[in-house]
């Protein structure tokens, strides 16, 4: 297992270097591809904590392109239902939600994430928490976006 972790770390490090070069060069397509490759690599390795860590790291990089963050959030959202357990799903949703908070270009994605988290909370019998989450989304989104959800 340790060898797999080392290989994963090395592959991620290599892709992070590619991402940095593309981002600094202003290459939107290259940056998006590198970011998506990192997310896919973590998913295929089943490294959920690493996936969450990389999402946070990539979103905080200086001068990170909006298109790269959008692509990363959308790609990671595909994996929510493929997580090994509900706790892992919740962690991924919370990570993606925090990364997308305050960024208007991923506000619809954030609303969908909050809606999913509220549904999970409701299924767990945590009705008040679910209601609070949905109220937060309703306050922060224009009506047209809510209707599109």
Foldseek 3Di string as FASTA:
>chain_A
DVVLVVVLVVVLVVLVVQLVVCQVVVPLVSNLVSLLVNLVSCVVSLPLVVNLVSLVVQLPDPNRDPSNNQSNLVSLVVCLVVHPDPVSSLSSLVSSLVSCPPPPSCLLVNLVSLQVVLVVCVVVVNNVVSVVSNVVSVVPDDPVSVVVD
